[in-house]
């Protein structure tokens, strides 16, 4: 199967996710900096989530540049990832509106874990569809970066029960790890040319 429709559909869903998140931002009723400052948890949770969705979109794009084939399993794995990503606006709003309280941060952590697991499943499905010697397989290798990120998310989930803002520090750490597009894929693509 060709990958074009999957990429177009995924791009559309991710664009809608970002649109939903920005539409959840409510304009302050007062024209003062204090009114805007009162929204800091909402704005901070939006920025964090925008970065995460952007990271997933960026890495999704790079990943699909490194493969030629998709399969039925890839389609389902991609839908699984989009399902978890589609929950980000909900947990973002809940976390921001409740000033990073324990249960919203726990839910946010759980969604980020779901996204990370789903992305890993998508990688393995793509490798299965393209072969163990494919550019993607060579680039991903043992996926240490992905496993470290998942570990940090799991630690953040535990921290959310003790100190929710410490859990958020874990989220930021993962975002920093992934801010640049996955260089392993870019390097493997250059080497395969």
C-alpha atoms as a PDB file:
ATOM      1  CA  UNK A   1       0.000   0.000   0.000  1.00  0.00           C
ATOM      2  CA  UNK A   2       1.074   3.564  -0.579  1.00  0.00           C
ATOM      3  CA  UNK A   3       1.582   5.856   2.375  1.00  0.00           C
ATOM      4  CA  UNK A   4       0.234   9.150   0.981  1.00  0.00           C
ATOM      5  CA  UNK A   5      -3.323   8.857   2.276  1.00  0.00           C
ATOM      6  CA  UNK A   6      -2.126   7.827   5.735  1.00  0.00           C
ATOM      7  CA  UNK A   7       0.189  10.828   5.923  1.00  0.00           C
ATOM      8  CA  UNK A   8      -2.514  13.242   4.703  1.00  0.00           C
ATOM      9  CA  UNK A   9      -5.064  11.860   7.151  1.00  0.00           C
ATOM     10  CA  UNK A  10      -2.596  12.033  10.043  1.00  0.00           C
ATOM     11  CA  UNK A  11      -1.634  15.613   9.159  1.00  0.00           C
ATOM     12  CA  UNK A  12      -5.310  16.569   9.124  1.00  0.00           C
ATOM     13  CA  UNK A  13      -6.050  14.962  12.486  1.00  0.00           C
ATOM     14  CA  UNK A  14      -3.015  16.587  14.085  1.00  0.00           C
ATOM     15  CA  UNK A  15      -4.031  19.982  12.669  1.00  0.00           C
ATOM     16  CA  UNK A  16      -7.488  19.520  14.195  1.00  0.00           C
ATOM     17  CA  UNK A  17      -5.950  18.563  17.555  1.00  0.00           C
ATOM     18  CA  UNK A  18      -3.929  21.798  17.600  1.00  0.00           C
ATOM     19  CA  UNK A  19      -6.999  23.788  16.534  1.00  0.00           C
ATOM     20  CA  UNK A  20      -9.072  22.303  19.357  1.00  0.00           C
ATOM     21  CA  UNK A  21      -6.360  23.160  21.870  1.00  0.00           C
ATOM     22  CA  UNK A  22      -6.108  26.783  20.788  1.00  0.00           C
ATOM     23  CA  UNK A  23      -9.900  27.180  20.737  1.00  0.00           C
ATOM     24  CA  UNK A  24      -9.973  26.072  24.371  1.00  0.00           C
ATOM     25  CA  UNK A  25      -7.945  29.157  25.328  1.00  0.00           C
ATOM     26  CA  UNK A  26     -10.361  31.720  26.710  1.00  0.00           C
ATOM     27  CA  UNK A  27      -9.666  35.417  26.379  1.00  0.00           C
ATOM     28  CA  UNK A  28      -9.491  37.245  29.734  1.00  0.00           C
ATOM     29  CA  UNK A  29     -12.390  39.593  30.406  1.00  0.00           C
ATOM     30  CA  UNK A  30     -10.207  42.360  31.799  1.00  0.00           C
ATOM     31  CA  UNK A  31      -7.692  44.275  29.643  1.00  0.00           C
ATOM     32  CA  UNK A  32      -4.900  44.032  32.204  1.00  0.00           C
ATOM     33  CA  UNK A  33      -1.678  42.061  32.526  1.00  0.00           C
ATOM     34  CA  UNK A  34      -3.005  40.690  35.831  1.00  0.00           C
ATOM     35  CA  UNK A  35      -5.945  39.101  34.016  1.00  0.00           C
ATOM     36  CA  UNK A  36      -3.553  37.453  31.570  1.00  0.00           C
ATOM     37  CA  UNK A  37      -1.221  36.373  34.372  1.00  0.00           C
ATOM     38  CA  UNK A  38      -4.129  34.630  36.082  1.00  0.00           C
ATOM     39  CA  UNK A  39      -4.273  32.320  33.043  1.00  0.00           C
ATOM     40  CA  UNK A  40      -0.667  31.116  33.467  1.00  0.00           C
ATOM     41  CA  UNK A  41      -1.618  27.460  34.120  1.00  0.00           C
ATOM     42  CA  UNK A  42      -3.829  27.342  31.027  1.00  0.00           C
ATOM     43  CA  UNK A  43      -1.224  29.020  28.834  1.00  0.00           C
ATOM     44  CA  UNK A  44       1.614  26.868  30.197  1.00  0.00           C
ATOM     45  CA  UNK A  45      -0.323  23.620  29.674  1.00  0.00           C
ATOM     46  CA  UNK A  46      -1.189  24.760  26.125  1.00  0.00           C
ATOM     47  CA  UNK A  47       2.455  25.532  25.313  1.00  0.00           C
ATOM     48  CA  UNK A  48       3.591  22.165  26.698  1.00  0.00           C
ATOM     49  CA  UNK A  49       0.931  20.283  24.739  1.00  0.00           C
ATOM     50  CA  UNK A  50       1.543  22.241  21.549  1.00  0.00           C
ATOM     51  CA  UNK A  51       5.209  21.284  21.788  1.00  0.00           C
ATOM     52  CA  UNK A  52       4.321  17.609  22.307  1.00  0.00           C
ATOM     53  CA  UNK A  53       1.894  17.505  19.398  1.00  0.00           C
ATOM     54  CA  UNK A  54       4.482  19.292  17.271  1.00  0.00           C
ATOM     55  CA  UNK A  55       7.141  16.759  18.256  1.00  0.00           C
ATOM     56  CA  UNK A  56       4.861  13.866  17.323  1.00  0.00           C
ATOM     57  CA  UNK A  57       3.958  15.488  14.004  1.00  0.00           C
ATOM     58  CA  UNK A  58       7.604  16.227  13.218  1.00  0.00           C
ATOM     59  CA  UNK A  59       8.803  12.722  14.062  1.00  0.00           C
ATOM     60  CA  UNK A  60       5.811  11.141  12.297  1.00  0.00           C
ATOM     61  CA  UNK A  61       6.786  13.077   9.182  1.00  0.00           C
ATOM     62  CA  UNK A  62      10.430  12.013   9.400  1.00  0.00           C
ATOM     63  CA  UNK A  63       9.488   8.411  10.122  1.00  0.00           C
ATOM     64  CA  UNK A  64       7.266   8.171   7.061  1.00  0.00           C
ATOM     65  CA  UNK A  65       9.973   9.707   4.885  1.00  0.00           C
ATOM     66  CA  UNK A  66      12.147   6.732   5.818  1.00  0.00           C
ATOM     67  CA  UNK A  67       9.671   4.058   4.666  1.00  0.00           C
ATOM     68  CA  UNK A  68       8.158   3.007   1.366  1.00  0.00           C
ATOM     69  CA  UNK A  69       5.445   0.557   2.422  1.00  0.00           C
ATOM     70  CA  UNK A  70       2.506   0.546   4.778  1.00  0.00           C
ATOM     71  CA  UNK A  71       0.304  -2.386   5.732  1.00  0.00           C
ATOM     72  CA  UNK A  72      -3.041  -2.914   7.410  1.00  0.00           C
ATOM     73  CA  UNK A  73      -1.170  -3.234  10.699  1.00  0.00           C
ATOM     74  CA  UNK A  74       0.499   0.119  10.093  1.00  0.00           C
ATOM     75  CA  UNK A  75      -2.877   1.734   9.420  1.00  0.00           C
ATOM     76  CA  UNK A  76      -4.244   0.440  12.730  1.00  0.00           C
ATOM     77  CA  UNK A  77      -1.076   1.343  14.619  1.00  0.00           C
ATOM     78  CA  UNK A  78      -1.290   4.868  13.189  1.00  0.00           C
ATOM     79  CA  UNK A  79      -4.947   5.155  14.247  1.00  0.00           C
ATOM     80  CA  UNK A  80      -3.922   3.975  17.705  1.00  0.00           C
ATOM     81  CA  UNK A  81      -1.383   6.811  17.887  1.00  0.00           C
ATOM     82  CA  UNK A  82      -3.948   9.341  16.634  1.00  0.00           C
ATOM     83  CA  UNK A  83      -6.401   8.135  19.304  1.00  0.00           C
ATOM     84  CA  UNK A  84      -3.939   8.946  22.088  1.00  0.00           C
ATOM     85  CA  UNK A  85      -2.953  12.253  20.502  1.00  0.00           C
ATOM     86  CA  UNK A  86      -6.630  13.194  20.223  1.00  0.00           C
ATOM     87  CA  UNK A  87      -6.919  12.989  24.019  1.00  0.00           C
ATOM     88  CA  UNK A  88      -4.250  15.654  24.516  1.00  0.00           C
ATOM     89  CA  UNK A  89      -6.652  18.626  24.191  1.00  0.00           C
ATOM     90  CA  UNK A  90      -8.902  17.167  26.898  1.00  0.00           C
ATOM     91  CA  UNK A  91      -6.149  16.504  29.450  1.00  0.00           C
ATOM     92  CA  UNK A  92      -4.458  19.802  28.552  1.00  0.00           C
ATOM     93  CA  UNK A  93      -7.619  21.724  29.354  1.00  0.00           C
ATOM     94  CA  UNK A  94      -8.242  19.757  32.542  1.00  0.00           C
ATOM     95  CA  UNK A  95      -4.682  20.236  33.761  1.00  0.00           C
ATOM     96  CA  UNK A  96      -4.562  23.961  32.957  1.00  0.00           C
ATOM     97  CA  UNK A  97      -7.991  24.793  34.341  1.00  0.00           C
ATOM     98  CA  UNK A  98      -7.126  23.029  37.600  1.00  0.00           C
ATOM     99  CA  UNK A  99      -3.688  24.586  38.056  1.00  0.00           C
ATOM    100  CA  UNK A 100      -1.718  21.354  37.646  1.00  0.00           C
ATOM    101  CA  UNK A 101      -3.645  19.513  40.354  1.00  0.00           C
ATOM    102  CA  UNK A 102      -2.841  15.866  41.060  1.00  0.00           C
ATOM    103  CA  UNK A 103      -5.500  13.972  39.074  1.00  0.00           C
ATOM    104  CA  UNK A 104      -5.334  16.094  35.930  1.00  0.00           C
ATOM    105  CA  UNK A 105      -1.533  15.691  35.907  1.00  0.00           C
ATOM    106  CA  UNK A 106      -1.971  11.930  36.457  1.00  0.00           C
ATOM    107  CA  UNK A 107      -4.336  11.835  33.466  1.00  0.00           C
ATOM    108  CA  UNK A 108      -1.932  13.918  31.370  1.00  0.00           C
ATOM    109  CA  UNK A 109       0.898  11.519  32.282  1.00  0.00           C
ATOM    110  CA  UNK A 110      -1.243   8.527  31.320  1.00  0.00           C
ATOM    111  CA  UNK A 111      -2.063  10.070  27.939  1.00  0.00           C
ATOM    112  CA  UNK A 112       1.604  10.825  27.262  1.00  0.00           C
ATOM    113  CA  UNK A 113       2.463   7.212  28.145  1.00  0.00           C
ATOM    114  CA  UNK A 114      -0.296   6.078  25.756  1.00  0.00           C
ATOM    115  CA  UNK A 115       1.163   8.280  22.998  1.00  0.00           C
ATOM    116  CA  UNK A 116       4.683   6.947  23.569  1.00  0.00           C
ATOM    117  CA  UNK A 117       3.554   3.308  23.569  1.00  0.00           C
ATOM    118  CA  UNK A 118       1.431   3.883  20.455  1.00  0.00           C
ATOM    119  CA  UNK A 119       4.333   5.544  18.632  1.00  0.00           C
ATOM    120  CA  UNK A 120       6.576   2.604  19.529  1.00  0.00           C
ATOM    121  CA  UNK A 121       3.976   0.175  18.195  1.00  0.00           C
ATOM    122  CA  UNK A 122       3.771   2.240  14.995  1.00  0.00           C
ATOM    123  CA  UNK A 123       7.563   2.075  14.593  1.00  0.00           C
ATOM    124  CA  UNK A 124       7.560  -1.712  14.979  1.00  0.00           C
ATOM    125  CA  UNK A 125       4.648  -2.064  12.533  1.00  0.00           C
ATOM    126  CA  UNK A 126       6.508   0.074   9.989  1.00  0.00           C
ATOM    127  CA  UNK A 127       9.683  -1.946  10.458  1.00  0.00           C
ATOM    128  CA  UNK A 128       7.698  -5.154   9.975  1.00  0.00           C
ATOM    129  CA  UNK A 129       6.179  -3.743   6.765  1.00  0.00           C
ATOM    130  CA  UNK A 130       9.514  -2.501   5.394  1.00  0.00           C
ATOM    131  CA  UNK A 131      11.964  -5.111   6.649  1.00  0.00           C
ATOM    132  CA  UNK A 132      14.672  -5.420   9.271  1.00  0.00           C
ATOM    133  CA  UNK A 133      17.202  -3.951   6.836  1.00  0.00           C
ATOM    134  CA  UNK A 134      15.074  -0.914   5.983  1.00  0.00           C
ATOM    135  CA  UNK A 135      16.287   2.636   6.507  1.00  0.00           C
ATOM    136  CA  UNK A 136      13.875   3.025   9.414  1.00  0.00           C
ATOM    137  CA  UNK A 137      15.004  -0.179  11.120  1.00  0.00           C
ATOM    138  CA  UNK A 138      18.630   0.865  10.852  1.00  0.00           C
ATOM    139  CA  UNK A 139      17.835   4.362  12.152  1.00  0.00           C
ATOM    140  CA  UNK A 140      15.743   3.254  15.108  1.00  0.00           C
ATOM    141  CA  UNK A 141      18.030   0.445  16.219  1.00  0.00           C
ATOM    142  CA  UNK A 142      17.181  -0.421  19.808  1.00  0.00           C
ATOM    143  CA  UNK A 143      15.294   2.872  20.209  1.00  0.00           C
ATOM    144  CA  UNK A 144      17.088   3.958  23.372  1.00  0.00           C
ATOM    145  CA  UNK A 145      15.684   7.467  23.044  1.00  0.00           C
ATOM    146  CA  UNK A 146      12.124   6.123  22.937  1.00  0.00           C
ATOM    147  CA  UNK A 147      12.690   3.784  25.883  1.00  0.00           C
ATOM    148  CA  UNK A 148      14.269   6.544  27.979  1.00  0.00           C
ATOM    149  CA  UNK A 149      11.314   8.811  27.192  1.00  0.00           C
ATOM    150  CA  UNK A 150       8.829   6.122  28.200  1.00  0.00           C
ATOM    151  CA  UNK A 151      10.738   5.566  31.447  1.00  0.00           C
ATOM    152  CA  UNK A 152      10.644   9.303  32.226  1.00  0.00           C
ATOM    153  CA  UNK A 153       6.890   9.360  31.512  1.00  0.00           C
ATOM    154  CA  UNK A 154       6.357   6.432  33.906  1.00  0.00           C
ATOM    155  CA  UNK A 155       8.426   8.140  36.616  1.00  0.00           C
ATOM    156  CA  UNK A 156       6.421  11.317  35.978  1.00  0.00           C
ATOM    157  CA  UNK A 157       3.195   9.368  36.462  1.00  0.00           C
ATOM    158  CA  UNK A 158       4.422   8.238  39.875  1.00  0.00           C
ATOM    159  CA  UNK A 159       5.571  11.759  40.722  1.00  0.00           C
ATOM    160  CA  UNK A 160       2.155  13.122  39.781  1.00  0.00           C
ATOM    161  CA  UNK A 161       0.728  11.408  42.861  1.00  0.00           C
ATOM    162  CA  UNK A 162       3.372  12.995  45.110  1.00  0.00           C
ATOM    163  CA  UNK A 163       4.221  16.343  43.530  1.00  0.00           C
ATOM    164  CA  UNK A 164       2.428  17.187  40.267  1.00  0.00           C
ATOM    165  CA  UNK A 165       4.816  19.991  39.283  1.00  0.00           C
ATOM    166  CA  UNK A 166       7.759  17.586  39.529  1.00  0.00           C
ATOM    167  CA  UNK A 167       5.899  15.347  37.096  1.00  0.00           C
ATOM    168  CA  UNK A 168       5.688  18.328  34.748  1.00  0.00           C
ATOM    169  CA  UNK A 169       9.470  18.675  34.979  1.00  0.00           C
ATOM    170  CA  UNK A 170       9.642  15.140  33.581  1.00  0.00           C
ATOM    171  CA  UNK A 171       7.392  16.146  30.689  1.00  0.00           C
ATOM    172  CA  UNK A 172       9.687  19.062  29.915  1.00  0.00           C
ATOM    173  CA  UNK A 173      12.718  16.745  30.027  1.00  0.00           C
ATOM    174  CA  UNK A 174      11.169  14.455  27.407  1.00  0.00           C
ATOM    175  CA  UNK A 175      10.233  17.444  25.244  1.00  0.00           C
ATOM    176  CA  UNK A 176      13.838  18.670  25.350  1.00  0.00           C
ATOM    177  CA  UNK A 177      15.068  15.206  24.307  1.00  0.00           C
ATOM    178  CA  UNK A 178      12.772  15.210  21.259  1.00  0.00           C
ATOM    179  CA  UNK A 179      12.661  18.881  20.215  1.00  0.00           C
ATOM    180  CA  UNK A 180      14.993  18.322  17.292  1.00  0.00           C
ATOM    181  CA  UNK A 181      13.676  15.932  14.645  1.00  0.00           C
ATOM    182  CA  UNK A 182      15.007  12.452  15.207  1.00  0.00           C
ATOM    183  CA  UNK A 183      18.568  12.778  13.852  1.00  0.00           C
ATOM    184  CA  UNK A 184      18.874   8.996  13.580  1.00  0.00           C
ATOM    185  CA  UNK A 185      16.330   8.957  10.769  1.00  0.00           C
ATOM    186  CA  UNK A 186      17.843  11.919   8.911  1.00  0.00           C
ATOM    187  CA  UNK A 187      21.310  10.368   9.170  1.00  0.00           C
ATOM    188  CA  UNK A 188      20.084   6.952   7.980  1.00  0.00           C
ATOM    189  CA  UNK A 189      18.254   8.528   5.046  1.00  0.00           C
ATOM    190  CA  UNK A 190      21.405  10.400   3.974  1.00  0.00           C
ATOM    191  CA  UNK A 191      23.445   7.218   4.213  1.00  0.00           C
ATOM    192  CA  UNK A 192      20.905   5.239   2.179  1.00  0.00           C
ATOM    193  CA  UNK A 193      20.957   7.743  -0.724  1.00  0.00           C
END
